Amino acid sequence: MFANSMAEQAQKECTNLCYFSTSSEALNHGFEREDSKLFTIHKKQSISYFSTLTTLILFFFNMTSNNTQVALITGCSSGIGKFLAISLSKRNFTVYATARNVTSLDALTKNYNNIKGLRLDVCDEESIKLAVDEIIKNEGKVDILINNAGMALTTPAAESDIVKVKKMFDTNVIGLMAVVNEVFPHMATKKSGKIVNIGSVAGFLSTPFLSQYSATKAAVQRYTDGLRIESKPFGVQVMLVTPGFVKSEIGEKQNSYVKSNGLYTPFKEKFFSQKPATGADSKVATPTDVFAEDLVAAIDQKVIAYSYRAGGMSLLAYIASFFPTWLQIRLLSSRDGFNKITV
């Protein structure tokens, strides 16, 4: 916007200068009305010269103002989103870190000048629109969108709290789609952009008491596959990220639900008093900052990969997804001793 206004002003000044210079020359040389043809030619040549100068000015300001890449990340209050923002800022991106509670971003924005905090709740379409409009107003573009916001829920498949399950689907799936809907048209217009959707190895395999969470991540995978194909004609690249075990606060914030006096109440102490589902506390979990640095390096390429796997056990989980169903069931049941449970 600044560059465009400067160019418009320059063009006005150049046109005025051209008019006055050619007018004064006409008077000084005693041109009469019948010599207006020569005057017009001279004026057109001057306008052409100053138009070229204006174009160079516009090019200069566009180069200096739009060269910095702009990234939008959801779910930056902690964990993976926070470290992705830091990693991108170290590569001189202008980073818009977002969260439902914008005050949770204060430390990021205070310590990194090129990180700007915005409120964005992926479950609130108006919030999404306001945040994206603010970025377009300030920067004129979004080069990279990273859909990172998410939540986990550990609960029996047949005795779940549907309200909590709907909230998880709204956050992990519908919210992700809503953000893409708002950002994609701006990328498509410029025939450029990268969309990075954070999935999970849970999208490949479903473990006991994680079926609903796995369903959200499987949905993200299938949605991303379709989005990738549909985005190609518009020059927009799409990457699916399937983290394995990564040290992240999602384990700490993880919700667990077991129905009181329900069929699975006897298993509550064994399966729901811990936080094993996301692997955030696992000994093989990858440190969050290391995961973020590696992922940003993969994103900051001219051509990005269709998919990216990283984090503890990610490769093993991917390979296991090709096992026969009976073998998957046996392995996943025995992992936490669930196959030894009798009622």
C-alpha atoms as a PDB file:
ATOM      1  CA  MET A   1       0.000   0.000   0.000  1.00  0.00           C
ATOM      2  CA  PHE A   2       2.842   2.362   0.866  1.00  0.00           C
ATOM      3  CA  ALA A   3       4.614   1.539  -2.392  1.00  0.00           C
ATOM      4  CA  ASN A   4       1.492   2.108  -4.473  1.00  0.00           C
ATOM      5  CA  SER A   5       0.759   5.495  -2.891  1.00  0.00           C
ATOM      6  CA  MET A   6       4.356   6.597  -3.447  1.00  0.00           C
ATOM      7  CA  ALA A   7       4.169   5.535  -7.089  1.00  0.00           C
ATOM      8  CA  GLU A   8       0.892   7.396  -7.634  1.00  0.00           C
ATOM      9  CA  GLN A   9       2.372  10.533  -6.118  1.00  0.00           C
ATOM     10  CA  ALA A  10       5.503  10.178  -8.251  1.00  0.00           C
ATOM     11  CA  GLN A  11       3.416   9.827 -11.409  1.00  0.00           C
ATOM     12  CA  LYS A  12       1.454  12.981 -10.602  1.00  0.00           C
ATOM     13  CA  GLU A  13       4.649  14.914  -9.952  1.00  0.00           C
ATOM     14  CA  CYS A  14       6.232  13.610 -13.147  1.00  0.00           C
ATOM     15  CA  THR A  15       3.188  14.518 -15.246  1.00  0.00           C
ATOM     16  CA  ASN A  16       3.134  18.042 -13.800  1.00  0.00           C
ATOM     17  CA  LEU A  17       6.848  18.443 -14.355  1.00  0.00           C
ATOM     18  CA  CYS A  18       6.485  17.212 -17.921  1.00  0.00           C
ATOM     19  CA  TYR A  19       3.659  19.661 -18.658  1.00  0.00           C
ATOM     20  CA  PHE A  20       5.432  22.697 -17.238  1.00  0.00           C
ATOM     21  CA  SER A  21       8.769  21.886 -18.852  1.00  0.00           C
ATOM     22  CA  THR A  22       7.269  21.402 -22.292  1.00  0.00           C
ATOM     23  CA  SER A  23       5.042  24.480 -21.918  1.00  0.00           C
ATOM     24  CA  SER A  24       7.966  26.703 -20.949  1.00  0.00           C
ATOM     25  CA  GLU A  25      10.060  25.386 -23.821  1.00  0.00           C
ATOM     26  CA  ALA A  26       7.242  26.129 -26.227  1.00  0.00           C
ATOM     27  CA  LEU A  27       7.080  29.734 -25.049  1.00  0.00           C
ATOM     28  CA  ASN A  28      10.847  30.210 -25.022  1.00  0.00           C
ATOM     29  CA  HIS A  29      11.180  29.019 -28.600  1.00  0.00           C
ATOM     30  CA  GLY A  30       8.279  31.090 -29.785  1.00  0.00           C
ATOM     31  CA  PHE A  31       6.143  28.190 -30.913  1.00  0.00           C
ATOM     32  CA  GLU A  32       2.886  29.320 -32.420  1.00  0.00           C
ATOM     33  CA  ARG A  33      -0.426  27.445 -32.405  1.00  0.00           C
ATOM     34  CA  GLU A  34       0.340  25.868 -35.815  1.00  0.00           C
ATOM     35  CA  ASP A  35       3.463  24.277 -34.276  1.00  0.00           C
ATOM     36  CA  SER A  36       1.400  22.403 -31.708  1.00  0.00           C
ATOM     37  CA  LYS A  37       2.184  19.091 -33.426  1.00  0.00           C
ATOM     38  CA  LEU A  38       5.876  19.440 -32.541  1.00  0.00           C
ATOM     39  CA  PHE A  39       4.881  20.498 -29.040  1.00  0.00           C
ATOM     40  CA  THR A  40       2.712  17.375 -28.664  1.00  0.00           C
ATOM     41  CA  ILE A  41       5.511  15.082 -29.826  1.00  0.00           C
ATOM     42  CA  HIS A  42       7.918  16.695 -27.412  1.00  0.00           C
ATOM     43  CA  LYS A  43       5.422  16.337 -24.579  1.00  0.00           C
ATOM     44  CA  LYS A  44       4.784  12.660 -25.362  1.00  0.00           C
ATOM     45  CA  GLN A  45       8.507  11.947 -25.322  1.00  0.00           C
ATOM     46  CA  SER A  46       8.838  13.647 -21.942  1.00  0.00           C
ATOM     47  CA  ILE A  47       5.866  11.736 -20.559  1.00  0.00           C
ATOM     48  CA  SER A  48       7.408   8.484 -21.793  1.00  0.00           C
ATOM     49  CA  TYR A  49      10.667   9.340 -20.044  1.00  0.00           C
ATOM     50  CA  PHE A  50       8.998  10.167 -16.739  1.00  0.00           C
ATOM     51  CA  SER A  51       6.669   7.139 -16.979  1.00  0.00           C
ATOM     52  CA  THR A  52       9.747   4.955 -17.197  1.00  0.00           C
ATOM     53  CA  LEU A  53      11.153   6.731 -14.157  1.00  0.00           C
ATOM     54  CA  THR A  54       7.862   6.154 -12.298  1.00  0.00           C
ATOM     55  CA  THR A  55       7.953   2.446 -13.167  1.00  0.00           C
ATOM     56  CA  LEU A  56      11.461   2.191 -11.747  1.00  0.00           C
ATOM     57  CA  ILE A  57      10.357   3.929  -8.562  1.00  0.00           C
ATOM     58  CA  LEU A  58       7.403   1.550  -8.212  1.00  0.00           C
ATOM     59  CA  PHE A  59       9.674  -1.447  -8.807  1.00  0.00           C
ATOM     60  CA  PHE A  60      12.109  -0.224  -6.156  1.00  0.00           C
ATOM     61  CA  PHE A  61       9.448   0.266  -3.502  1.00  0.00           C
ATOM     62  CA  ASN A  62       7.791  -3.077  -4.306  1.00  0.00           C
ATOM     63  CA  MET A  63      11.122  -4.843  -4.006  1.00  0.00           C
ATOM     64  CA  THR A  64      11.909  -3.264  -0.642  1.00  0.00           C
ATOM     65  CA  SER A  65       8.435  -3.565   0.862  1.00  0.00           C
ATOM     66  CA  ASN A  66       7.245  -6.990  -0.431  1.00  0.00           C
ATOM     67  CA  ASN A  67      10.443  -9.024  -0.435  1.00  0.00           C
ATOM     68  CA  THR A  68       9.917 -10.260   3.129  1.00  0.00           C
ATOM     69  CA  GLN A  69       7.795 -13.389   3.303  1.00  0.00           C
ATOM     70  CA  VAL A  70       4.713 -13.366   5.508  1.00  0.00           C
ATOM     71  CA  ALA A  71       3.627 -16.379   7.557  1.00  0.00           C
ATOM     72  CA  LEU A  72       0.390 -16.980   9.455  1.00  0.00           C
ATOM     73  CA  ILE A  73       0.398 -19.678  12.163  1.00  0.00           C
ATOM     74  CA  THR A  74      -2.565 -20.826  14.242  1.00  0.00           C
ATOM     75  CA  GLY A  75      -2.241 -22.144  17.795  1.00  0.00           C
ATOM     76  CA  CYS A  76       0.927 -20.324  18.860  1.00  0.00           C
ATOM     77  CA  SER A  77       0.333 -19.915  22.587  1.00  0.00           C
ATOM     78  CA  SER A  78       2.675 -22.835  23.333  1.00  0.00           C
ATOM     79  CA  GLY A  79       4.272 -25.984  21.965  1.00  0.00           C
ATOM     80  CA  ILE A  80       4.843 -26.558  18.270  1.00  0.00           C
ATOM     81  CA  GLY A  81       3.145 -23.329  17.138  1.00  0.00           C
ATOM     82  CA  LYS A  82       5.278 -21.203  19.441  1.00  0.00           C
ATOM     83  CA  PHE A  83       8.546 -22.718  18.230  1.00  0.00           C
ATOM     84  CA  LEU A  84       7.488 -22.587  14.587  1.00  0.00           C
ATOM     85  CA  ALA A  85       6.966 -18.839  15.006  1.00  0.00           C
ATOM     86  CA  ILE A  86      10.422 -18.467  16.549  1.00  0.00           C
ATOM     87  CA  SER A  87      12.090 -20.557  13.839  1.00  0.00           C
ATOM     88  CA  LEU A  88      10.446 -18.575  11.035  1.00  0.00           C
ATOM     89  CA  SER A  89      11.364 -15.265  12.690  1.00  0.00           C
ATOM     90  CA  LYS A  90      15.016 -16.349  12.766  1.00  0.00           C
ATOM     91  CA  ARG A  91      14.779 -16.747   8.978  1.00  0.00           C
ATOM     92  CA  ASN A  92      13.572 -13.132   8.713  1.00  0.00           C
ATOM     93  CA  PHE A  93       9.932 -13.925   7.992  1.00  0.00           C
ATOM     94  CA  THR A  94       7.247 -11.541   9.153  1.00  0.00           C
ATOM     95  CA  VAL A  95       5.313 -13.898  11.408  1.00  0.00           C
ATOM     96  CA  TYR A  96       1.718 -13.472  12.508  1.00  0.00           C
ATOM     97  CA  ALA A  97       1.393 -15.744  15.515  1.00  0.00           C
ATOM     98  CA  THR A  98      -2.217 -16.290  16.551  1.00  0.00           C
ATOM     99  CA  ALA A  99      -4.115 -17.730  19.497  1.00  0.00           C
ATOM    100  CA  ARG A 100      -7.551 -17.519  21.118  1.00  0.00           C
ATOM    101  CA  ASN A 101      -6.030 -15.561  23.991  1.00  0.00           C
ATOM    102  CA  VAL A 102      -3.762 -12.945  22.453  1.00  0.00           C
ATOM    103  CA  THR A 103      -2.088 -12.155  25.791  1.00  0.00           C
ATOM    104  CA  SER A 104      -0.541 -15.631  25.681  1.00  0.00           C
ATOM    105  CA  LEU A 105       1.585 -14.323  22.793  1.00  0.00           C
ATOM    106  CA  ASP A 106       3.091 -11.416  24.741  1.00  0.00           C
ATOM    107  CA  ALA A 107       6.436 -13.142  25.348  1.00  0.00           C
ATOM    108  CA  LEU A 108       6.817 -13.929  21.645  1.00  0.00           C
ATOM    109  CA  THR A 109       6.021 -10.436  20.424  1.00  0.00           C
ATOM    110  CA  LYS A 110       8.212  -8.847  23.103  1.00  0.00           C
ATOM    111  CA  ASN A 111      11.296 -10.953  22.358  1.00  0.00           C
ATOM    112  CA  TYR A 112      11.029 -11.030  18.551  1.00  0.00           C
ATOM    113  CA  ASN A 113      10.439  -7.828  16.600  1.00  0.00           C
ATOM    114  CA  ASN A 114       9.206  -9.616  13.468  1.00  0.00           C
ATOM    115  CA  ILE A 115       6.566 -11.648  15.327  1.00  0.00           C
ATOM    116  CA  LYS A 116       3.178  -9.969  15.581  1.00  0.00           C
ATOM    117  CA  GLY A 117       0.395 -11.337  17.765  1.00  0.00           C
ATOM    118  CA  LEU A 118      -3.223 -11.570  16.628  1.00  0.00           C
ATOM    119  CA  ARG A 119      -6.323 -13.072  18.154  1.00  0.00           C
ATOM    120  CA  LEU A 120      -7.653 -15.939  16.053  1.00  0.00           C
ATOM    121  CA  ASP A 121     -10.048 -18.616  17.265  1.00  0.00           C
ATOM    122  CA  VAL A 122     -10.337 -21.323  14.596  1.00  0.00           C
ATOM    123  CA  CYS A 123     -13.839 -22.122  15.873  1.00  0.00           C
ATOM    124  CA  ASP A 124     -15.000 -18.544  15.224  1.00  0.00           C
ATOM    125  CA  GLU A 125     -15.301 -17.614  11.539  1.00  0.00           C
ATOM    126  CA  GLU A 126     -15.573 -13.893  12.292  1.00  0.00           C
ATOM    127  CA  SER A 127     -12.354 -14.082  14.296  1.00  0.00           C
ATOM    128  CA  ILE A 128     -10.611 -15.779  11.359  1.00  0.00           C
ATOM    129  CA  LYS A 129     -11.836 -13.167   8.883  1.00  0.00           C
ATOM    130  CA  LEU A 130     -10.744 -10.246  11.072  1.00  0.00           C
ATOM    131  CA  ALA A 131      -7.260 -11.704  11.551  1.00  0.00           C
ATOM    132  CA  VAL A 132      -6.700 -12.431   7.856  1.00  0.00           C
ATOM    133  CA  ASP A 133      -8.087  -9.020   6.843  1.00  0.00           C
ATOM    134  CA  GLU A 134      -5.626  -7.375   9.245  1.00  0.00           C
ATOM    135  CA  ILE A 135      -2.684  -9.237   7.706  1.00  0.00           C
ATOM    136  CA  ILE A 136      -3.744  -8.393   4.144  1.00  0.00           C
ATOM    137  CA  LYS A 137      -4.219  -4.753   5.135  1.00  0.00           C
ATOM    138  CA  ASN A 138      -0.720  -4.595   6.647  1.00  0.00           C
ATOM    139  CA  GLU A 139       1.237  -6.856   4.294  1.00  0.00           C
ATOM    140  CA  GLY A 140      -0.882  -7.333   1.179  1.00  0.00           C
ATOM    141  CA  LYS A 141      -0.292 -11.087   1.162  1.00  0.00           C
ATOM    142  CA  VAL A 142       0.115 -14.345   3.071  1.00  0.00           C
ATOM    143  CA  ASP A 143       2.980 -16.462   1.748  1.00  0.00           C
ATOM    144  CA  ILE A 144       2.713 -19.344   4.213  1.00  0.00           C
ATOM    145  CA  LEU A 145      -0.225 -20.636   6.240  1.00  0.00           C
ATOM    146  CA  ILE A 146       0.514 -23.194   8.959  1.00  0.00           C
ATOM    147  CA  ASN A 147      -2.610 -24.773  10.435  1.00  0.00           C
ATOM    148  CA  ASN A 148      -1.293 -25.911  13.790  1.00  0.00           C
ATOM    149  CA  ALA A 149      -4.156 -25.312  16.258  1.00  0.00           C
ATOM    150  CA  GLY A 150      -5.470 -28.537  17.729  1.00  0.00           C
ATOM    151  CA  MET A 151      -6.632 -30.422  20.800  1.00  0.00           C
ATOM    152  CA  ALA A 152      -6.590 -34.027  21.980  1.00  0.00           C
ATOM    153  CA  LEU A 153      -9.199 -36.104  23.783  1.00  0.00           C
ATOM    154  CA  THR A 154      -8.688 -39.467  25.462  1.00  0.00           C
ATOM    155  CA  THR A 155     -11.989 -41.270  25.895  1.00  0.00           C
ATOM    156  CA  PRO A 156     -13.672 -44.607  25.166  1.00  0.00           C
ATOM    157  CA  ALA A 157     -15.070 -44.791  21.649  1.00  0.00           C
ATOM    158  CA  ALA A 158     -18.503 -45.957  22.829  1.00  0.00           C
ATOM    159  CA  GLU A 159     -18.832 -43.856  26.005  1.00  0.00           C
ATOM    160  CA  SER A 160     -17.584 -40.441  24.944  1.00  0.00           C
ATOM    161  CA  ASP A 161     -18.832 -36.969  25.746  1.00  0.00           C
ATOM    162  CA  ILE A 162     -20.226 -35.898  22.372  1.00  0.00           C
ATOM    163  CA  VAL A 163     -19.972 -32.212  23.291  1.00  0.00           C
ATOM    164  CA  LYS A 164     -16.218 -32.622  23.837  1.00  0.00           C
ATOM    165  CA  VAL A 165     -15.898 -34.672  20.654  1.00  0.00           C
ATOM    166  CA  LYS A 166     -17.673 -31.991  18.612  1.00  0.00           C
ATOM    167  CA  LYS A 167     -15.372 -29.359  20.083  1.00  0.00           C
ATOM    168  CA  MET A 168     -12.348 -31.412  19.019  1.00  0.00           C
ATOM    169  CA  PHE A 169     -13.668 -31.876  15.471  1.00  0.00           C
ATOM    170  CA  ASP A 170     -14.443 -28.140  15.273  1.00  0.00           C
ATOM    171  CA  THR A 171     -10.889 -27.315  16.334  1.00  0.00           C
ATOM    172  CA  ASN A 172      -8.900 -29.962  14.471  1.00  0.00           C
ATOM    173  CA  VAL A 173     -10.908 -30.247  11.252  1.00  0.00           C
ATOM    174  CA  ILE A 174     -13.632 -27.658  10.629  1.00  0.00           C
ATOM    175  CA  GLY A 175     -11.524 -24.800  12.005  1.00  0.00           C
ATOM    176  CA  LEU A 176      -8.605 -25.781   9.798  1.00  0.00           C
ATOM    177  CA  MET A 177     -10.882 -25.750   6.754  1.00  0.00           C
ATOM    178  CA  ALA A 178     -12.308 -22.356   7.736  1.00  0.00           C
ATOM    179  CA  VAL A 179      -8.829 -20.800   7.910  1.00  0.00           C
ATOM    180  CA  VAL A 180      -7.936 -22.255   4.495  1.00  0.00           C
ATOM    181  CA  ASN A 181     -11.182 -20.835   3.049  1.00  0.00           C
ATOM    182  CA  GLU A 182     -10.205 -17.357   4.200  1.00  0.00           C
ATOM    183  CA  VAL A 183      -6.529 -17.423   3.157  1.00  0.00           C
ATOM    184  CA  PHE A 184      -6.609 -19.427  -0.074  1.00  0.00           C
ATOM    185  CA  PRO A 185      -8.235 -16.748  -2.312  1.00  0.00           C
ATOM    186  CA  HIS A 186      -5.406 -14.313  -1.496  1.00  0.00           C
ATOM    187  CA  MET A 187      -2.793 -16.922  -2.435  1.00  0.00           C
ATOM    188  CA  ALA A 188      -4.656 -17.970  -5.585  1.00  0.00           C
ATOM    189  CA  THR A 189      -4.847 -14.359  -6.785  1.00  0.00           C
ATOM    190  CA  LYS A 190      -1.054 -14.088  -6.591  1.00  0.00           C
ATOM    191  CA  LYS A 191      -0.522 -17.595  -8.004  1.00  0.00           C
ATOM    192  CA  SER A 192       1.740 -18.287  -5.061  1.00  0.00           C
ATOM    193  CA  GLY A 193       1.610 -19.616  -1.515  1.00  0.00           C
ATOM    194  CA  LYS A 194       2.163 -22.593   0.765  1.00  0.00           C
ATOM    195  CA  ILE A 195      -0.395 -24.250   3.024  1.00  0.00           C
ATOM    196  CA  VAL A 196       0.969 -26.545   5.732  1.00  0.00           C
ATOM    197  CA  ASN A 197      -1.526 -28.675   7.668  1.00  0.00           C
ATOM    198  CA  ILE A 198      -0.360 -30.311  10.893  1.00  0.00           C
ATOM    199  CA  GLY A 199      -1.760 -33.817  11.144  1.00  0.00           C
ATOM    200  CA  SER A 200      -0.467 -36.712  13.245  1.00  0.00           C
ATOM    201  CA  VAL A 201       0.688 -40.299  12.980  1.00  0.00           C
ATOM    202  CA  ALA A 202      -2.589 -40.965  14.816  1.00  0.00           C
ATOM    203  CA  GLY A 203      -4.175 -40.377  11.411  1.00  0.00           C
ATOM    204  CA  PHE A 204      -2.484 -43.589  10.228  1.00  0.00           C
ATOM    205  CA  LEU A 205      -3.296 -45.738  13.246  1.00  0.00           C
ATOM    206  CA  SER A 206      -5.893 -45.609  15.993  1.00  0.00           C
ATOM    207  CA  THR A 207      -4.899 -46.727  19.494  1.00  0.00           C
ATOM    208  CA  PRO A 208      -7.254 -47.604  22.364  1.00  0.00           C
ATOM    209  CA  PHE A 209      -9.170 -44.580  23.704  1.00  0.00           C
ATOM    210  CA  LEU A 210      -7.856 -42.336  20.936  1.00  0.00           C
ATOM    211  CA  SER A 211     -10.294 -43.228  18.175  1.00  0.00           C
ATOM    212  CA  GLN A 212     -12.000 -39.824  17.980  1.00  0.00           C
ATOM    213  CA  TYR A 213      -8.690 -37.933  17.976  1.00  0.00           C
ATOM    214  CA  SER A 214      -7.373 -40.315  15.303  1.00  0.00           C
ATOM    215  CA  ALA A 215     -10.527 -39.695  13.283  1.00  0.00           C
ATOM    216  CA  THR A 216      -9.872 -35.926  13.266  1.00  0.00           C
ATOM    217  CA  LYS A 217      -6.302 -36.426  12.076  1.00  0.00           C
ATOM    218  CA  ALA A 218      -7.353 -38.943   9.420  1.00  0.00           C
ATOM    219  CA  ALA A 219      -9.873 -36.349   8.221  1.00  0.00           C
ATOM    220  CA  VAL A 220      -7.099 -33.743   7.997  1.00  0.00           C
ATOM    221  CA  GLN A 221      -5.027 -36.138   5.889  1.00  0.00           C
ATOM    222  CA  ARG A 222      -7.803 -36.862   3.407  1.00  0.00           C
ATOM    223  CA  TYR A 223      -8.803 -33.192   3.217  1.00  0.00           C
ATOM    224  CA  THR A 224      -5.183 -32.188   2.587  1.00  0.00           C
ATOM    225  CA  ASP A 225      -4.867 -34.746  -0.210  1.00  0.00           C
ATOM    226  CA  GLY A 226      -7.834 -33.233  -2.033  1.00  0.00           C
ATOM    227  CA  LEU A 227      -6.762 -29.650  -1.328  1.00  0.00           C
ATOM    228  CA  ARG A 228      -3.313 -30.353  -2.766  1.00  0.00           C
ATOM    229  CA  ILE A 229      -4.777 -31.414  -6.115  1.00  0.00           C
ATOM    230  CA  GLU A 230      -7.274 -28.555  -6.295  1.00  0.00           C
ATOM    231  CA  SER A 231      -4.654 -25.941  -5.377  1.00  0.00           C
ATOM    232  CA  LYS A 232      -2.110 -26.854  -8.032  1.00  0.00           C
ATOM    233  CA  PRO A 233      -3.707 -24.889 -10.920  1.00  0.00           C
ATOM    234  CA  PHE A 234      -3.473 -21.746  -8.777  1.00  0.00           C
ATOM    235  CA  GLY A 235       0.212 -22.158  -7.974  1.00  0.00           C
ATOM    236  CA  VAL A 236      -0.447 -22.932  -4.298  1.00  0.00           C
ATOM    237  CA  GLN A 237       1.566 -25.751  -2.717  1.00  0.00           C
ATOM    238  CA  VAL A 238       0.187 -27.940   0.075  1.00  0.00           C
ATOM    239  CA  MET A 239       2.093 -30.019   2.634  1.00  0.00           C
ATOM    240  CA  LEU A 240       0.790 -32.516   5.187  1.00  0.00           C
ATOM    241  CA  VAL A 241       2.890 -32.814   8.350  1.00  0.00           C
ATOM    242  CA  THR A 242       2.487 -35.994  10.400  1.00  0.00           C
ATOM    243  CA  PRO A 243       4.413 -35.593  13.653  1.00  0.00           C
ATOM    244  CA  GLY A 244       5.244 -38.587  15.783  1.00  0.00           C
ATOM    245  CA  PHE A 245       6.076 -38.077  19.450  1.00  0.00           C
ATOM    246  CA  VAL A 246       7.016 -34.416  20.014  1.00  0.00           C
ATOM    247  CA  LYS A 247       7.494 -32.798  23.417  1.00  0.00           C
ATOM    248  CA  SER A 248       4.518 -30.478  23.495  1.00  0.00           C
ATOM    249  CA  GLU A 249       1.988 -29.000  25.895  1.00  0.00           C
ATOM    250  CA  ILE A 250      -0.824 -30.765  24.012  1.00  0.00           C
ATOM    251  CA  GLY A 251      -0.228 -33.680  26.379  1.00  0.00           C
ATOM    252  CA  GLU A 252      -0.559 -31.383  29.362  1.00  0.00           C
ATOM    253  CA  LYS A 253      -3.732 -29.801  27.980  1.00  0.00           C
ATOM    254  CA  GLN A 254      -5.141 -33.129  26.878  1.00  0.00           C
ATOM    255  CA  ASN A 255      -8.725 -33.802  27.952  1.00  0.00           C
ATOM    256  CA  SER A 256      -9.750 -37.160  29.338  1.00  0.00           C
ATOM    257  CA  TYR A 257     -13.280 -38.340  29.841  1.00  0.00           C
ATOM    258  CA  VAL A 258     -14.560 -41.520  31.453  1.00  0.00           C
ATOM    259  CA  LYS A 259     -18.242 -41.891  32.267  1.00  0.00           C
ATOM    260  CA  SER A 260     -18.994 -42.247  35.970  1.00  0.00           C
ATOM    261  CA  ASN A 261     -20.069 -45.789  36.787  1.00  0.00           C
ATOM    262  CA  GLY A 262     -19.673 -46.665  33.117  1.00  0.00           C
ATOM    263  CA  LEU A 263     -18.374 -49.782  31.465  1.00  0.00           C
ATOM    264  CA  TYR A 264     -14.829 -48.389  31.335  1.00  0.00           C
ATOM    265  CA  THR A 265     -14.704 -46.928  34.841  1.00  0.00           C
ATOM    266  CA  PRO A 266     -12.608 -49.872  36.134  1.00  0.00           C
ATOM    267  CA  PHE A 267      -9.908 -48.963  33.593  1.00  0.00           C
ATOM    268  CA  LYS A 268      -9.758 -45.302  34.540  1.00  0.00           C
ATOM    269  CA  GLU A 269      -6.726 -45.544  36.792  1.00  0.00           C
ATOM    270  CA  LYS A 270      -4.672 -47.535  34.309  1.00  0.00           C
ATOM    271  CA  PHE A 271      -5.508 -45.762  31.065  1.00  0.00           C
ATOM    272  CA  PHE A 272      -6.695 -42.261  31.932  1.00  0.00           C
ATOM    273  CA  SER A 273      -4.640 -41.071  34.895  1.00  0.00           C
ATOM    274  CA  GLN A 274      -1.561 -40.738  32.649  1.00  0.00           C
ATOM    275  CA  LYS A 275      -0.930 -38.744  29.482  1.00  0.00           C
ATOM    276  CA  PRO A 276       0.367 -41.336  27.032  1.00  0.00           C
ATOM    277  CA  ALA A 277      -1.880 -40.669  24.067  1.00  0.00           C
ATOM    278  CA  THR A 278       0.068 -38.055  22.136  1.00  0.00           C
ATOM    279  CA  GLY A 279       3.493 -39.292  23.217  1.00  0.00           C
ATOM    280  CA  ALA A 280       4.435 -35.794  24.399  1.00  0.00           C
ATOM    281  CA  ASP A 281       5.969 -37.226  27.572  1.00  0.00           C
ATOM    282  CA  SER A 282       7.620 -40.196  25.879  1.00  0.00           C
ATOM    283  CA  LYS A 283      11.352 -40.779  26.248  1.00  0.00           C
ATOM    284  CA  VAL A 284      11.648 -40.941  22.459  1.00  0.00           C
ATOM    285  CA  ALA A 285       9.769 -37.666  21.913  1.00  0.00           C
ATOM    286  CA  THR A 286      11.622 -35.111  19.789  1.00  0.00           C
ATOM    287  CA  PRO A 287      12.301 -31.732  21.486  1.00  0.00           C
ATOM    288  CA  THR A 288       9.848 -29.175  20.172  1.00  0.00           C
ATOM    289  CA  ASP A 289      12.467 -26.650  19.101  1.00  0.00           C
ATOM    290  CA  VAL A 290      14.348 -29.287  17.098  1.00  0.00           C
ATOM    291  CA  PHE A 291      11.139 -30.436  15.412  1.00  0.00           C
ATOM    292  CA  ALA A 292      10.224 -26.829  14.549  1.00  0.00           C
ATOM    293  CA  GLU A 293      13.652 -25.970  13.125  1.00  0.00           C
ATOM    294  CA  ASP A 294      13.642 -29.052  10.888  1.00  0.00           C
ATOM    295  CA  LEU A 295      10.077 -28.440   9.686  1.00  0.00           C
ATOM    296  CA  VAL A 296      10.740 -24.778   8.897  1.00  0.00           C
ATOM    297  CA  ALA A 297      13.809 -25.796   6.894  1.00  0.00           C
ATOM    298  CA  ALA A 298      11.556 -28.108   4.866  1.00  0.00           C
ATOM    299  CA  ILE A 299       8.943 -25.380   4.374  1.00  0.00           C
ATOM    300  CA  ASP A 300      11.461 -22.699   3.398  1.00  0.00           C
ATOM    301  CA  GLN A 301      12.126 -24.247   0.004  1.00  0.00           C
ATOM    302  CA  LYS A 302      11.036 -23.123  -3.441  1.00  0.00           C
ATOM    303  CA  VAL A 303       9.204 -26.422  -3.907  1.00  0.00           C
ATOM    304  CA  ILE A 304       7.936 -28.164  -0.767  1.00  0.00           C
ATOM    305  CA  ALA A 305       7.300 -31.871  -0.287  1.00  0.00           C
ATOM    306  CA  TYR A 306       3.759 -33.246  -0.374  1.00  0.00           C
ATOM    307  CA  SER A 307       4.220 -34.749   3.076  1.00  0.00           C
ATOM    308  CA  TYR A 308       6.651 -34.455   5.953  1.00  0.00           C
ATOM    309  CA  ARG A 309       7.127 -36.967   8.787  1.00  0.00           C
ATOM    310  CA  ALA A 310       9.232 -36.268  11.867  1.00  0.00           C
ATOM    311  CA  GLY A 311       9.253 -36.894  15.593  1.00  0.00           C
ATOM    312  CA  GLY A 312       9.698 -40.026  17.672  1.00  0.00           C
ATOM    313  CA  MET A 313       8.130 -43.196  16.239  1.00  0.00           C
ATOM    314  CA  SER A 314       6.788 -41.369  13.170  1.00  0.00           C
ATOM    315  CA  LEU A 315       8.445 -43.640  10.625  1.00  0.00           C
ATOM    316  CA  LEU A 316       7.508 -46.784  12.540  1.00  0.00           C
ATOM    317  CA  ALA A 317       3.865 -45.695  12.781  1.00  0.00           C
ATOM    318  CA  TYR A 318       3.794 -44.961   9.059  1.00  0.00           C
ATOM    319  CA  ILE A 319       5.225 -48.379   8.208  1.00  0.00           C
ATOM    320  CA  ALA A 320       2.791 -50.084  10.602  1.00  0.00           C
ATOM    321  CA  SER A 321      -0.121 -48.448   8.772  1.00  0.00           C
ATOM    322  CA  PHE A 322       0.602 -50.835   5.863  1.00  0.00           C
ATOM    323  CA  PHE A 323       0.395 -53.938   8.077  1.00  0.00           C
ATOM    324  CA  PRO A 324      -2.655 -56.205   7.788  1.00  0.00           C
ATOM    325  CA  THR A 325      -5.503 -55.098  10.038  1.00  0.00           C
ATOM    326  CA  TRP A 326      -5.245 -58.177  12.255  1.00  0.00           C
ATOM    327  CA  LEU A 327      -1.565 -57.433  12.907  1.00  0.00           C
ATOM    328  CA  GLN A 328      -2.253 -53.772  13.661  1.00  0.00           C
ATOM    329  CA  ILE A 329      -4.910 -54.779  16.200  1.00  0.00           C
ATOM    330  CA  ARG A 330      -2.589 -57.258  17.887  1.00  0.00           C
ATOM    331  CA  LEU A 331       0.282 -54.782  18.124  1.00  0.00           C
ATOM    332  CA  LEU A 332      -1.796 -51.833  19.313  1.00  0.00           C
ATOM    333  CA  SER A 333      -3.765 -53.913  21.822  1.00  0.00           C
ATOM    334  CA  SER A 334      -0.633 -55.327  23.380  1.00  0.00           C
ATOM    335  CA  ARG A 335       1.203 -52.001  23.536  1.00  0.00           C
ATOM    336  CA  ASP A 336      -0.547 -50.832  26.716  1.00  0.00           C
ATOM    337  CA  GLY A 337      -1.586 -54.272  27.917  1.00  0.00           C
ATOM    338  CA  PHE A 338      -5.158 -53.785  26.743  1.00  0.00           C
ATOM    339  CA  ASN A 339      -5.257 -57.300  25.323  1.00  0.00           C
ATOM    340  CA  LYS A 340      -4.938 -58.672  28.862  1.00  0.00           C
ATOM    341  CA  ILE A 341      -7.999 -56.849  30.174  1.00  0.00           C
ATOM    342  CA  THR A 342     -11.026 -59.012  30.955  1.00  0.00           C
ATOM    343  CA  VAL A 343     -14.464 -57.878  32.088  1.00  0.00           C
END
